[in-house]
Amino acid sequence: MRRLVLAFTLAAMPALAQGPGWIPGQTAELQALDKVTARISTIEARVGQTVRFGTLEIEVAACHRRPPDEQPDAAAWLTVKDNRLNGQRVFAGWMFAASPALNMLEHAVYDLRVLECR
């Protein structure tokens, strides 16, 4: 069942976040949690830029937000690699600010979520 939900999310979400009503942005604001130290950090990453948090390398490929007259939301297409795992990709897909559990990074040490897109 989880694979079916993931397949739907990966197939449908790019179209949703880039369709009518979404405004492209240049900077994603992310919130990262180190579960070991309980350290929460706010990270700003420009589209096309790779930023680091702990052993993670986070690349933002796209960032979109809803217009001010609609329900607030932001979405970012992220690719996350873990240097502790020889640079293995541990996440790739859209993350939504209003629905962080819809498509989330599942990592033993880190949590990551989208806060907004500017």
PDB file of N, CA and C in Angstrom:
ATOM      1  N   MET A   1       0.825  -1.192   0.000  1.00  0.00           N
ATOM      2  CA  MET A   1       0.000   0.000   0.000  1.00  0.00           C
ATOM      3  C   MET A   1       0.870   1.257   0.000  1.00  0.00           C
ATOM      4  N   ARG A   2       1.917   1.255   0.822  1.00  0.00           N
ATOM      5  CA  ARG A   2       2.802   2.427   0.897  1.00  0.00           C
ATOM      6  C   ARG A   2       3.468   2.697  -0.446  1.00  0.00           C
ATOM      7  N   ARG A   3       3.864   1.644  -1.151  1.00  0.00           N
ATOM      8  CA  ARG A   3       4.487   1.832  -2.463  1.00  0.00           C
ATOM      9  C   ARG A   3       3.494   2.429  -3.461  1.00  0.00           C
ATOM     10  N   LEU A   4       2.244   2.032  -3.365  1.00  0.00           N
ATOM     11  CA  LEU A   4       1.218   2.573  -4.246  1.00  0.00           C
ATOM     12  C   LEU A   4       1.026   4.065  -3.991  1.00  0.00           C
ATOM     13  N   VAL A   5       0.979   4.463  -2.731  1.00  0.00           N
ATOM     14  CA  VAL A   5       0.848   5.879  -2.378  1.00  0.00           C
ATOM     15  C   VAL A   5       2.061   6.646  -2.869  1.00  0.00           C
ATOM     16  N   LEU A   6       3.257   6.098  -2.683  1.00  0.00           N
ATOM     17  CA  LEU A   6       4.476   6.758  -3.125  1.00  0.00           C
ATOM     18  C   LEU A   6       4.497   6.897  -4.642  1.00  0.00           C
ATOM     19  N   ALA A   7       4.093   5.851  -5.342  1.00  0.00           N
ATOM     20  CA  ALA A   7       4.065   5.913  -6.807  1.00  0.00           C
ATOM     21  C   ALA A   7       3.102   6.994  -7.283  1.00  0.00           C
ATOM     22  N   PHE A   8       1.926   7.067  -6.664  1.00  0.00           N
ATOM     23  CA  PHE A   8       0.962   8.109  -7.023  1.00  0.00           C
ATOM     24  C   PHE A   8       1.534   9.490  -6.743  1.00  0.00           C
ATOM     25  N   THR A   9       2.156   9.648  -5.597  1.00  0.00           N
ATOM     26  CA  THR A   9       2.713  10.944  -5.208  1.00  0.00           C
ATOM     27  C   THR A   9       3.769  11.396  -6.198  1.00  0.00           C
ATOM     28  N   LEU A  10       4.690  10.504  -6.555  1.00  0.00           N
ATOM     29  CA  LEU A  10       5.764  10.873  -7.471  1.00  0.00           C
ATOM     30  C   LEU A  10       5.238  11.153  -8.871  1.00  0.00           C
ATOM     31  N   ALA A  11       4.207  10.453  -9.276  1.00  0.00           N
ATOM     32  CA  ALA A  11       3.658  10.650 -10.616  1.00  0.00           C
ATOM     33  C   ALA A  11       2.788  11.897 -10.705  1.00  0.00           C
ATOM     34  N   ALA A  12       1.978  12.156  -9.685  1.00  0.00           N
ATOM     35  CA  ALA A  12       1.000  13.234  -9.765  1.00  0.00           C
ATOM     36  C   ALA A  12       1.499  14.569  -9.243  1.00  0.00           C
ATOM     37  N   MET A  13       2.350  14.589  -8.267  1.00  0.00           N
ATOM     38  CA  MET A  13       2.716  15.837  -7.619  1.00  0.00           C
ATOM     39  C   MET A  13       3.457  16.832  -8.513  1.00  0.00           C
ATOM     40  N   PRO A  14       4.371  16.416  -9.384  1.00  0.00           N
ATOM     41  CA  PRO A  14       5.012  17.433 -10.215  1.00  0.00           C
ATOM     42  C   PRO A  14       3.995  18.239 -11.018  1.00  0.00           C
ATOM     43  N   ALA A  15       2.992  17.599 -11.521  1.00  0.00           N
ATOM     44  CA  ALA A  15       1.975  18.319 -12.278  1.00  0.00           C
ATOM     45  C   ALA A  15       1.171  19.243 -11.373  1.00  0.00           C
ATOM     46  N   LEU A  16       0.861  18.800 -10.168  1.00  0.00           N
ATOM     47  CA  LEU A  16       0.087  19.632  -9.252  1.00  0.00           C
ATOM     48  C   LEU A  16       0.844  20.881  -8.845  1.00  0.00           C
ATOM     49  N   ALA A  17       2.096  20.741  -8.503  1.00  0.00           N
ATOM     50  CA  ALA A  17       2.856  21.878  -7.988  1.00  0.00           C
ATOM     51  C   ALA A  17       3.307  22.831  -9.082  1.00  0.00           C
ATOM     52  N   GLN A  18       3.214  22.436 -10.321  1.00  0.00           N
ATOM     53  CA  GLN A  18       3.610  23.332 -11.393  1.00  0.00           C
ATOM     54  C   GLN A  18       2.412  23.810 -12.204  1.00  0.00           C
ATOM     55  N   GLY A  19       1.242  23.356 -11.858  1.00  0.00           N
ATOM     56  CA  GLY A  19       0.056  23.694 -12.624  1.00  0.00           C
ATOM     57  C   GLY A  19      -0.463  25.088 -12.329  1.00  0.00           C
ATOM     58  N   PRO A  20      -1.642  25.398 -12.848  1.00  0.00           N
ATOM     59  CA  PRO A  20      -2.232  26.716 -12.637  1.00  0.00           C
ATOM     60  C   PRO A  20      -2.410  27.007 -11.147  1.00  0.00           C
ATOM     61  N   GLY A  21      -2.161  28.239 -10.774  1.00  0.00           N
ATOM     62  CA  GLY A  21      -2.339  28.636  -9.384  1.00  0.00           C
ATOM     63  C   GLY A  21      -1.084  28.576  -8.551  1.00  0.00           C
ATOM     64  N   TRP A  22      -0.013  28.032  -9.079  1.00  0.00           N
ATOM     65  CA  TRP A  22       1.257  27.974  -8.353  1.00  0.00           C
ATOM     66  C   TRP A  22       2.193  29.029  -8.932  1.00  0.00           C
ATOM     67  N   ILE A  23       2.864  29.775  -8.066  1.00  0.00           N
ATOM     68  CA  ILE A  23       3.789  30.829  -8.472  1.00  0.00           C
ATOM     69  C   ILE A  23       5.212  30.338  -8.225  1.00  0.00           C
ATOM     70  N   PRO A  24       6.058  30.326  -9.264  1.00  0.00           N
ATOM     71  CA  PRO A  24       7.436  29.878  -9.066  1.00  0.00           C
ATOM     72  C   PRO A  24       8.202  30.844  -8.165  1.00  0.00           C
ATOM     73  N   GLY A  25       9.057  30.285  -7.344  1.00  0.00           N
ATOM     74  CA  GLY A  25       9.908  31.080  -6.470  1.00  0.00           C
ATOM     75  C   GLY A  25      11.367  30.751  -6.710  1.00  0.00           C
ATOM     76  N   GLN A  26      12.234  31.511  -6.086  1.00  0.00           N
ATOM     77  CA  GLN A  26      13.672  31.321  -6.262  1.00  0.00           C
ATOM     78  C   GLN A  26      14.362  30.755  -5.027  1.00  0.00           C
ATOM     79  N   THR A  27      13.698  30.850  -3.861  1.00  0.00           N
ATOM     80  CA  THR A  27      14.327  30.413  -2.618  1.00  0.00           C
ATOM     81  C   THR A  27      13.355  29.582  -1.790  1.00  0.00           C
ATOM     82  N   ALA A  28      13.812  28.435  -1.337  1.00  0.00           N
ATOM     83  CA  ALA A  28      13.029  27.585  -0.444  1.00  0.00           C
ATOM     84  C   ALA A  28      13.540  27.763   0.978  1.00  0.00           C
ATOM     85  N   GLU A  29      12.619  27.923   1.908  1.00  0.00           N
ATOM     86  CA  GLU A  29      12.987  27.948   3.321  1.00  0.00           C
ATOM     87  C   GLU A  29      12.618  26.587   3.894  1.00  0.00           C
ATOM     88  N   LEU A  30      13.616  25.899   4.426  1.00  0.00           N
ATOM     89  CA  LEU A  30      13.443  24.546   4.943  1.00  0.00           C
ATOM     90  C   LEU A  30      13.716  24.534   6.440  1.00  0.00           C
ATOM     91  N   GLN A  31      13.086  23.591   7.119  1.00  0.00           N
ATOM     92  CA  GLN A  31      13.372  23.378   8.534  1.00  0.00           C
ATOM     93  C   GLN A  31      13.968  21.984   8.671  1.00  0.00           C
ATOM     94  N   ALA A  32      15.117  21.908   9.315  1.00  0.00           N
ATOM     95  CA  ALA A  32      15.815  20.634   9.488  1.00  0.00           C
ATOM     96  C   ALA A  32      15.964  20.338  10.978  1.00  0.00           C
ATOM     97  N   LEU A  33      15.765  19.089  11.334  1.00  0.00           N
ATOM     98  CA  LEU A  33      15.892  18.641  12.714  1.00  0.00           C
ATOM     99  C   LEU A  33      16.931  17.539  12.783  1.00  0.00           C
ATOM    100  N   ASP A  34      17.905  17.709  13.669  1.00  0.00           N
ATOM    101  CA  ASP A  34      18.856  16.643  13.990  1.00  0.00           C
ATOM    102  C   ASP A  34      18.266  15.930  15.206  1.00  0.00           C
ATOM    103  N   LYS A  35      17.799  14.712  15.031  1.00  0.00           N
ATOM    104  CA  LYS A  35      17.111  13.985  16.099  1.00  0.00           C
ATOM    105  C   LYS A  35      18.047  13.596  17.245  1.00  0.00           C
ATOM    106  N   VAL A  36      19.333  13.505  16.979  1.00  0.00           N
ATOM    107  CA  VAL A  36      20.291  13.115  18.010  1.00  0.00           C
ATOM    108  C   VAL A  36      20.540  14.262  18.982  1.00  0.00           C
ATOM    109  N   THR A  37      20.749  15.463  18.442  1.00  0.00           N
ATOM    110  CA  THR A  37      21.059  16.618  19.289  1.00  0.00           C
ATOM    111  C   THR A  37      19.836  17.479  19.583  1.00  0.00           C
ATOM    112  N   ALA A  38      18.715  17.192  18.934  1.00  0.00           N
ATOM    113  CA  ALA A  38      17.473  17.977  19.036  1.00  0.00           C
ATOM    114  C   ALA A  38      17.682  19.403  18.524  1.00  0.00           C
ATOM    115  N   ARG A  39      18.631  19.585  17.621  1.00  0.00           N
ATOM    116  CA  ARG A  39      18.913  20.887  17.032  1.00  0.00           C
ATOM    117  C   ARG A  39      17.994  21.111  15.837  1.00  0.00           C
ATOM    118  N   ILE A  40      17.266  22.238  15.868  1.00  0.00           N
ATOM    119  CA  ILE A  40      16.403  22.628  14.757  1.00  0.00           C
ATOM    120  C   ILE A  40      17.063  23.803  14.066  1.00  0.00           C
ATOM    121  N   SER A  41      17.169  23.728  12.753  1.00  0.00           N
ATOM    122  CA  SER A  41      17.784  24.794  11.970  1.00  0.00           C
ATOM    123  C   SER A  41      16.859  25.189  10.836  1.00  0.00           C
ATOM    124  N   THR A  42      16.893  26.472  10.500  1.00  0.00           N
ATOM    125  CA  THR A  42      16.192  26.970   9.326  1.00  0.00           C
ATOM    126  C   THR A  42      17.236  27.175   8.243  1.00  0.00           C
ATOM    127  N   ILE A  43      16.955  26.614   7.081  1.00  0.00           N
ATOM    128  CA  ILE A  43      17.896  26.641   5.969  1.00  0.00           C
ATOM    129  C   ILE A  43      17.239  27.353   4.795  1.00  0.00           C
ATOM    130  N   GLU A  44      17.959  28.275   4.189  1.00  0.00           N
ATOM    131  CA  GLU A  44      17.499  28.902   2.949  1.00  0.00           C
ATOM    132  C   GLU A  44      18.339  28.367   1.813  1.00  0.00           C
ATOM    133  N   ALA A  45      17.666  27.890   0.770  1.00  0.00           N
ATOM    134  CA  ALA A  45      18.372  27.331  -0.379  1.00  0.00           C
ATOM    135  C   ALA A  45      17.753  27.877  -1.655  1.00  0.00           C
ATOM    136  N   ARG A  46      18.588  28.433  -2.494  1.00  0.00           N
ATOM    137  CA  ARG A  46      18.110  28.921  -3.787  1.00  0.00           C
ATOM    138  C   ARG A  46      17.897  27.739  -4.727  1.00  0.00           C
ATOM    139  N   VAL A  47      16.970  27.906  -5.651  1.00  0.00           N
ATOM    140  CA  VAL A  47      16.716  26.876  -6.649  1.00  0.00           C
ATOM    141  C   VAL A  47      18.006  26.637  -7.426  1.00  0.00           C
ATOM    142  N   GLY A  48      18.367  25.376  -7.573  1.00  0.00           N
ATOM    143  CA  GLY A  48      19.592  24.995  -8.258  1.00  0.00           C
ATOM    144  C   GLY A  48      20.808  24.921  -7.349  1.00  0.00           C
ATOM    145  N   GLN A  49      20.647  25.313  -6.102  1.00  0.00           N
ATOM    146  CA  GLN A  49      21.753  25.312  -5.141  1.00  0.00           C
ATOM    147  C   GLN A  49      21.689  24.060  -4.270  1.00  0.00           C
ATOM    148  N   THR A  50      22.852  23.593  -3.844  1.00  0.00           N
ATOM    149  CA  THR A  50      22.936  22.489  -2.895  1.00  0.00           C
ATOM    150  C   THR A  50      23.411  23.047  -1.560  1.00  0.00           C
ATOM    151  N   VAL A  51      22.686  22.706  -0.495  1.00  0.00           N
ATOM    152  CA  VAL A  51      23.072  23.123   0.857  1.00  0.00           C
ATOM    153  C   VAL A  51      23.323  21.881   1.692  1.00  0.00           C
ATOM    154  N   ARG A  52      24.055  22.055   2.785  1.00  0.00           N
ATOM    155  CA  ARG A  52      24.388  20.931   3.660  1.00  0.00           C
ATOM    156  C   ARG A  52      23.735  21.115   5.021  1.00  0.00           C
ATOM    157  N   PHE A  53      23.304  20.003   5.584  1.00  0.00           N
ATOM    158  CA  PHE A  53      22.851  19.946   6.971  1.00  0.00           C
ATOM    159  C   PHE A  53      23.324  18.615   7.519  1.00  0.00           C
ATOM    160  N   GLY A  54      24.252  18.656   8.456  1.00  0.00           N
ATOM    161  CA  GLY A  54      24.835  17.416   8.972  1.00  0.00           C
ATOM    162  C   GLY A  54      25.498  16.665   7.845  1.00  0.00           C
ATOM    163  N   THR A  55      25.114  15.420   7.650  1.00  0.00           N
ATOM    164  CA  THR A  55      25.681  14.616   6.566  1.00  0.00           C
ATOM    165  C   THR A  55      24.838  14.679   5.301  1.00  0.00           C
ATOM    166  N   LEU A  56      23.768  15.473   5.327  1.00  0.00           N
ATOM    167  CA  LEU A  56      22.879  15.570   4.176  1.00  0.00           C
ATOM    168  C   LEU A  56      23.313  16.660   3.209  1.00  0.00           C
ATOM    169  N   GLU A  57      23.154  16.389   1.924  1.00  0.00           N
ATOM    170  CA  GLU A  57      23.269  17.390   0.869  1.00  0.00           C
ATOM    171  C   GLU A  57      21.883  17.529   0.263  1.00  0.00           C
ATOM    172  N   ILE A  58      21.333  18.743   0.321  1.00  0.00           N
ATOM    173  CA  ILE A  58      19.965  18.999  -0.099  1.00  0.00           C
ATOM    174  C   ILE A  58      19.999  19.913  -1.312  1.00  0.00           C
ATOM    175  N   GLU A  59      19.452  19.443  -2.425  1.00  0.00           N
ATOM    176  CA  GLU A  59      19.380  20.259  -3.638  1.00  0.00           C
ATOM    177  C   GLU A  59      17.926  20.605  -3.915  1.00  0.00           C
ATOM    178  N   VAL A  60      17.661  21.882  -4.121  1.00  0.00           N
ATOM    179  CA  VAL A  60      16.322  22.354  -4.451  1.00  0.00           C
ATOM    180  C   VAL A  60      16.265  22.548  -5.967  1.00  0.00           C
ATOM    181  N   ALA A  61      15.428  21.759  -6.633  1.00  0.00           N
ATOM    182  CA  ALA A  61      15.303  21.849  -8.087  1.00  0.00           C
ATOM    183  C   ALA A  61      14.180  22.787  -8.496  1.00  0.00           C
ATOM    184  N   ALA A  62      13.163  22.932  -7.655  1.00  0.00           N
ATOM    185  CA  ALA A  62      12.037  23.816  -7.953  1.00  0.00           C
ATOM    186  C   ALA A  62      11.374  24.210  -6.649  1.00  0.00           C
ATOM    187  N   CYS A  63      10.767  25.383  -6.667  1.00  0.00           N
ATOM    188  CA  CYS A  63      10.061  25.883  -5.488  1.00  0.00           C
ATOM    189  C   CYS A  63       8.867  26.705  -5.964  1.00  0.00           C
ATOM    190  N   HIS A  64       7.677  26.404  -5.457  1.00  0.00           N
ATOM    191  CA  HIS A  64       6.457  27.094  -5.875  1.00  0.00           C
ATOM    192  C   HIS A  64       5.613  27.422  -4.648  1.00  0.00           C
ATOM    193  N   ARG A  65       4.816  28.477  -4.771  1.00  0.00           N
ATOM    194  CA  ARG A  65       3.905  28.866  -3.692  1.00  0.00           C
ATOM    195  C   ARG A  65       2.552  29.204  -4.285  1.00  0.00           C
ATOM    196  N   ARG A  66       1.543  29.191  -3.416  1.00  0.00           N
ATOM    197  CA  ARG A  66       0.189  29.553  -3.836  1.00  0.00           C
ATOM    198  C   ARG A  66       0.041  31.071  -3.822  1.00  0.00           C
ATOM    199  N   PRO A  67      -0.852  31.612  -4.642  1.00  0.00           N
ATOM    200  CA  PRO A  67      -1.115  33.057  -4.615  1.00  0.00           C
ATOM    201  C   PRO A  67      -1.697  33.480  -3.265  1.00  0.00           C
ATOM    202  N   PRO A  68      -1.555  34.760  -2.906  1.00  0.00           N
ATOM    203  CA  PRO A  68      -2.043  35.232  -1.600  1.00  0.00           C
ATOM    204  C   PRO A  68      -3.543  35.071  -1.387  1.00  0.00           C
ATOM    205  N   ASP A  69      -4.329  35.022  -2.457  1.00  0.00           N
ATOM    206  CA  ASP A  69      -5.782  34.908  -2.315  1.00  0.00           C
ATOM    207  C   ASP A  69      -6.261  33.456  -2.206  1.00  0.00           C
ATOM    208  N   GLU A  70      -5.342  32.494  -2.175  1.00  0.00           N
ATOM    209  CA  GLU A  70      -5.701  31.078  -2.037  1.00  0.00           C
ATOM    210  C   GLU A  70      -5.162  30.526  -0.722  1.00  0.00           C
ATOM    211  N   GLN A  71      -5.532  29.294  -0.425  1.00  0.00           N
ATOM    212  CA  GLN A  71      -5.052  28.606   0.775  1.00  0.00           C
ATOM    213  C   GLN A  71      -3.526  28.591   0.768  1.00  0.00           C
ATOM    214  N   PRO A  72      -2.873  29.069   1.837  1.00  0.00           N
ATOM    215  CA  PRO A  72      -1.407  29.119   1.840  1.00  0.00           C
ATOM    216  C   PRO A  72      -0.786  27.722   1.700  1.00  0.00           C
ATOM    217  N   ASP A  73       0.213  27.619   0.852  1.00  0.00           N
ATOM    218  CA  ASP A  73       0.965  26.380   0.701  1.00  0.00           C
ATOM    219  C   ASP A  73       2.232  26.689  -0.084  1.00  0.00           C
ATOM    220  N   ALA A  74       3.197  25.860   0.063  1.00  0.00           N
ATOM    221  CA  ALA A  74       4.442  25.941  -0.694  1.00  0.00           C
ATOM    222  C   ALA A  74       4.870  24.522  -1.004  1.00  0.00           C
ATOM    223  N   ALA A  75       5.557  24.363  -2.113  1.00  0.00           N
ATOM    224  CA  ALA A  75       6.045  23.049  -2.512  1.00  0.00           C
ATOM    225  C   ALA A  75       7.445  23.200  -3.078  1.00  0.00           C
ATOM    226  N   ALA A  76       8.296  22.247  -2.771  1.00  0.00           N
ATOM    227  CA  ALA A  76       9.660  22.264  -3.295  1.00  0.00           C
ATOM    228  C   ALA A  76      10.033  20.854  -3.736  1.00  0.00           C
ATOM    229  N   TRP A  77      10.669  20.775  -4.900  1.00  0.00           N
ATOM    230  CA  TRP A  77      11.210  19.503  -5.372  1.00  0.00           C
ATOM    231  C   TRP A  77      12.631  19.411  -4.823  1.00  0.00           C
ATOM    232  N   LEU A  78      12.850  18.413  -3.974  1.00  0.00           N
ATOM    233  CA  LEU A  78      14.136  18.247  -3.299  1.00  0.00           C
ATOM    234  C   LEU A  78      14.779  16.917  -3.674  1.00  0.00           C
ATOM    235  N   THR A  79      16.093  16.947  -3.779  1.00  0.00           N
ATOM    236  CA  THR A  79      16.884  15.730  -3.874  1.00  0.00           C
ATOM    237  C   THR A  79      17.843  15.767  -2.695  1.00  0.00           C
ATOM    238  N   VAL A  80      17.798  14.717  -1.874  1.00  0.00           N
ATOM    239  CA  VAL A  80      18.607  14.666  -0.660  1.00  0.00           C
ATOM    240  C   VAL A  80      19.530  13.455  -0.743  1.00  0.00           C
ATOM    241  N   LYS A  81      20.826  13.717  -0.534  1.00  0.00           N
ATOM    242  CA  LYS A  81      21.828  12.648  -0.506  1.00  0.00           C
ATOM    243  C   LYS A  81      22.481  12.638   0.869  1.00  0.00           C
ATOM    244  N   ASP A  82      22.889  11.457   1.307  1.00  0.00           N
ATOM    245  CA  ASP A  82      23.540  11.306   2.606  1.00  0.00           C
ATOM    246  C   ASP A  82      24.999  10.923   2.389  1.00  0.00           C
ATOM    247  N   ASN A  83      25.904  11.812   2.793  1.00  0.00           N
ATOM    248  CA  ASN A  83      27.336  11.547   2.626  1.00  0.00           C
ATOM    249  C   ASN A  83      27.824  10.397   3.496  1.00  0.00           C
ATOM    250  N   ARG A  84      27.110  10.127   4.583  1.00  0.00           N
ATOM    251  CA  ARG A  84      27.469   9.000   5.439  1.00  0.00           C
ATOM    252  C   ARG A  84      27.215   7.678   4.718  1.00  0.00           C
ATOM    253  N   LEU A  85      26.355   7.720   3.703  1.00  0.00           N
ATOM    254  CA  LEU A  85      26.044   6.535   2.903  1.00  0.00           C
ATOM    255  C   LEU A  85      26.675   6.643   1.518  1.00  0.00           C
ATOM    256  N   ASN A  86      27.868   7.231   1.448  1.00  0.00           N
ATOM    257  CA  ASN A  86      28.606   7.396   0.191  1.00  0.00           C
ATOM    258  C   ASN A  86      27.831   8.205  -0.848  1.00  0.00           C
ATOM    259  N   GLY A  87      27.102   9.211  -0.391  1.00  0.00           N
ATOM    260  CA  GLY A  87      26.372  10.084  -1.305  1.00  0.00           C
ATOM    261  C   GLY A  87      25.119   9.470  -1.886  1.00  0.00           C
ATOM    262  N   GLN A  88      24.629   8.400  -1.277  1.00  0.00           N
ATOM    263  CA  GLN A  88      23.420   7.735  -1.763  1.00  0.00           C
ATOM    264  C   GLN A  88      22.219   8.661  -1.622  1.00  0.00           C
ATOM    265  N   ARG A  89      21.357   8.666  -2.640  1.00  0.00           N
ATOM    266  CA  ARG A  89      20.136   9.469  -2.593  1.00  0.00           C
ATOM    267  C   ARG A  89      19.161   8.825  -1.614  1.00  0.00           C
ATOM    268  N   VAL A  90      18.691   9.610  -0.642  1.00  0.00           N
ATOM    269  CA  VAL A  90      17.764   9.099   0.360  1.00  0.00           C
ATOM    270  C   VAL A  90      16.364   9.687   0.191  1.00  0.00           C
ATOM    271  N   PHE A  91      16.241  10.708  -0.684  1.00  0.00           N
ATOM    272  CA  PHE A  91      14.929  11.286  -0.960  1.00  0.00           C
ATOM    273  C   PHE A  91      14.993  12.052  -2.270  1.00  0.00           C
ATOM    274  N   ALA A  92      13.924  11.946  -3.053  1.00  0.00           N
ATOM    275  CA  ALA A  92      13.745  12.782  -4.241  1.00  0.00           C
ATOM    276  C   ALA A  92      12.252  12.929  -4.459  1.00  0.00           C
ATOM    277  N   GLY A  93      11.770  14.150  -4.492  1.00  0.00           N
ATOM    278  CA  GLY A  93      10.357  14.371  -4.741  1.00  0.00           C
ATOM    279  C   GLY A  93       9.889  15.715  -4.215  1.00  0.00           C
ATOM    280  N   TRP A  94       8.586  15.942  -4.370  1.00  0.00           N
ATOM    281  CA  TRP A  94       7.974  17.164  -3.879  1.00  0.00           C
ATOM    282  C   TRP A  94       7.692  17.040  -2.395  1.00  0.00           C
ATOM    283  N   MET A  95       7.955  18.113  -1.670  1.00  0.00           N
ATOM    284  CA  MET A  95       7.519  18.246  -0.276  1.00  0.00           C
ATOM    285  C   MET A  95       6.595  19.452  -0.223  1.00  0.00           C
ATOM    286  N   PHE A  96       5.486  19.303   0.514  1.00  0.00           N
ATOM    287  CA  PHE A  96       4.496  20.362   0.632  1.00  0.00           C
ATOM    288  C   PHE A  96       4.476  20.898   2.055  1.00  0.00           C
ATOM    289  N   ALA A  97       4.468  22.215   2.190  1.00  0.00           N
ATOM    290  CA  ALA A  97       4.468  22.841   3.514  1.00  0.00           C
ATOM    291  C   ALA A  97       3.190  22.516   4.280  1.00  0.00           C
ATOM    292  N   ALA A  98       2.044  22.548   3.605  1.00  0.00           N
ATOM    293  CA  ALA A  98       0.769  22.326   4.278  1.00  0.00           C
ATOM    294  C   ALA A  98       0.517  20.858   4.613  1.00  0.00           C
ATOM    295  N   SER A  99       1.238  19.948   3.967  1.00  0.00           N
ATOM    296  CA  SER A  99       1.064  18.507   4.201  1.00  0.00           C
ATOM    297  C   SER A  99       2.425  17.832   4.318  1.00  0.00           C
ATOM    298  N   PRO A 100       3.159  18.095   5.394  1.00  0.00           N
ATOM    299  CA  PRO A 100       4.519  17.555   5.491  1.00  0.00           C
ATOM    300  C   PRO A 100       4.590  16.027   5.520  1.00  0.00           C
ATOM    301  N   ALA A 101       3.544  15.365   5.958  1.00  0.00           N
ATOM    302  CA  ALA A 101       3.575  13.903   6.035  1.00  0.00           C
ATOM    303  C   ALA A 101       3.222  13.235   4.711  1.00  0.00           C
ATOM    304  N   LEU A 102       2.779  13.996   3.735  1.00  0.00           N
ATOM    305  CA  LEU A 102       2.376  13.422   2.449  1.00  0.00           C
ATOM    306  C   LEU A 102       3.540  12.737   1.749  1.00  0.00           C
ATOM    307  N   ASN A 103       4.663  13.385   1.696  1.00  0.00           N
ATOM    308  CA  ASN A 103       5.856  12.838   1.039  1.00  0.00           C
ATOM    309  C   ASN A 103       7.050  13.359   1.820  1.00  0.00           C
ATOM    310  N   MET A 104       7.549  12.565   2.745  1.00  0.00           N
ATOM    311  CA  MET A 104       8.558  13.060   3.668  1.00  0.00           C
ATOM    312  C   MET A 104       9.848  12.258   3.601  1.00  0.00           C
ATOM    313  N   LEU A 105      10.910  12.904   4.059  1.00  0.00           N
ATOM    314  CA  LEU A 105      12.202  12.231   4.187  1.00  0.00           C
ATOM    315  C   LEU A 105      12.115  11.274   5.375  1.00  0.00           C
ATOM    316  N   GLU A 106      12.403  10.012   5.134  1.00  0.00           N
ATOM    317  CA  GLU A 106      12.431   9.031   6.217  1.00  0.00           C
ATOM    318  C   GLU A 106      13.893   8.704   6.486  1.00  0.00           C
ATOM    319  N   HIS A 107      14.420   9.283   7.552  1.00  0.00           N
ATOM    320  CA  HIS A 107      15.836   9.148   7.876  1.00  0.00           C
ATOM    321  C   HIS A 107      15.968   8.905   9.371  1.00  0.00           C
ATOM    322  N   ALA A 108      16.919   8.095   9.764  1.00  0.00           N
ATOM    323  CA  ALA A 108      17.098   7.756  11.176  1.00  0.00           C
ATOM    324  C   ALA A 108      17.571   8.937  12.013  1.00  0.00           C
ATOM    325  N   VAL A 109      18.306   9.855  11.419  1.00  0.00           N
ATOM    326  CA  VAL A 109      18.912  10.947  12.184  1.00  0.00           C
ATOM    327  C   VAL A 109      18.257  12.298  11.910  1.00  0.00           C
ATOM    328  N   TYR A 110      17.745  12.528  10.702  1.00  0.00           N
ATOM    329  CA  TYR A 110      17.268  13.859  10.318  1.00  0.00           C
ATOM    330  C   TYR A 110      15.809  13.865   9.882  1.00  0.00           C
ATOM    331  N   ASP A 111      15.152  14.982  10.170  1.00  0.00           N
ATOM    332  CA  ASP A 111      13.839  15.303   9.605  1.00  0.00           C
ATOM    333  C   ASP A 111      14.011  16.570   8.794  1.00  0.00           C
ATOM    334  N   LEU A 112      13.224  16.700   7.740  1.00  0.00           N
ATOM    335  CA  LEU A 112      13.315  17.851   6.870  1.00  0.00           C
ATOM    336  C   LEU A 112      11.917  18.204   6.393  1.00  0.00           C
ATOM    337  N   ARG A 113      11.594  19.502   6.393  1.00  0.00           N
ATOM    338  CA  ARG A 113      10.298  19.934   5.874  1.00  0.00           C
ATOM    339  C   ARG A 113      10.412  21.299   5.219  1.00  0.00           C
ATOM    340  N   VAL A 114       9.488  21.582   4.324  1.00  0.00           N
ATOM    341  CA  VAL A 114       9.420  22.864   3.635  1.00  0.00           C
ATOM    342  C   VAL A 114       8.577  23.819   4.466  1.00  0.00           C
ATOM    343  N   LEU A 115       9.078  25.023   4.674  1.00  0.00           N
ATOM    344  CA  LEU A 115       8.319  26.048   5.395  1.00  0.00           C
ATOM    345  C   LEU A 115       7.650  27.008   4.424  1.00  0.00           C
ATOM    346  N   GLU A 116       8.409  27.530   3.461  1.00  0.00           N
ATOM    347  CA  GLU A 116       7.841  28.454   2.488  1.00  0.00           C
ATOM    348  C   GLU A 116       8.743  28.569   1.275  1.00  0.00           C
ATOM    349  N   CYS A 117       8.227  29.249   0.278  1.00  0.00           N
ATOM    350  CA  CYS A 117       8.941  29.489  -0.966  1.00  0.00           C
ATOM    351  C   CYS A 117       8.824  30.973  -1.287  1.00  0.00           C
ATOM    352  N   ARG A 118       9.948  31.581  -1.603  1.00  0.00           N
ATOM    353  CA  ARG A 118       9.927  33.022  -1.941  1.00  0.00           C
ATOM    354  C   ARG A 118      10.567  33.237  -3.290  1.00  0.00           C
TER     355      ARG A 118
END
